[in-house]
Amino acid sequence: MRLSNIAMYTGQPPLVGATDALWAYIRDRLRKAGISDVPETLEKGITHDEAWLRPRLLLAQTCGFPYVKHLRGKVQLVATPVYELPGCDGPSMRSFIIVRRDSPAETLADLRGTTAAINDPGSNSGTNLFRAAIAPLAENGRFLGRVIETGGHLLSIDAVTAGRADVAAIDCITFGNAKRFDPDRVAGVRILAETVSGPGLPFIIGWETSPEELALLRQILADIAGEPALADVRDTLSLRRFEVLGDADYEPLAELERQAIALGYPVIA
């Protein structure tokens, strides 16, 4: 059986059910088209990055920064979801740099020497966009006092709320979904600044996948926007459509890293 893992935004129960329903639609369309070994359900027993290079990958979702750093030439881009949430702009998205609601910080410069929470060092929204925002403020390769790794954006929000960290960069989709479905979780934080935007999290397939199957998947994803039976699913996910982006569209994410390195700030520190 082939593998599918597209559950990048499932922090709250309504999102889990909607993502499962989205996969059921994709699954049934693939089977109807004669694609064999389509899994019944999404693979949830592995981490997202474990899925990206698995043999016989049918469909997965990755982050744009790992794509430009590690996955080019190893996977194929299918399409990028377009979400309708504050901070999203078509297939592009930004991060919100958050602090506690009672934080005295008024500008990014006020964060010097504080503790930052990041979800993952390889994350675009939690690390790459955040680094780009504070790199011009770094001195001798340092700006922050300490960095802790939480393993997830929601956990980074919790770390800021609880006082274990002073700041975090949270992607606008996770933040928007938390406000909709778990408002208490973000009640204790506020947005201090916004990062630049960049292309969002693309759906990918294995490098060996045929052009015919790639075209089929793109058509299925395109049809999601107008499928009446998926109206509630789209609304729950704040998903409006998919757009096909190419490798060059993701290059600006690599350029942000190069700019930070040129400023003497290669890692968040």
Foldseek 3Di string as FASTA:
>chain_A
DAAEEAPPDCPDPLLVVLVFVLVCLVQVLCVVVPDPPRDNTHDPPDDQVVQLQDPRHQKGKAWLQCCVVPNVVWWAFQWAWFFPFPQGDGQKGWWFKKFFPPDPDQAPLVQFAWEAEFQDQRHLQWWLQVLLVCLVVDDQQAGYNYYDHQNDQLSRLVCRLVVVGGITIHIRQNVRLCCVRPVVSNPGMDGNDMTDMAGGITMIGGPPDDPVSSVSSNVSQQCLQPDPVSPVSCVNSSTRGIGGDDPVRSVVSVVSQVVSVVSVHNGHD
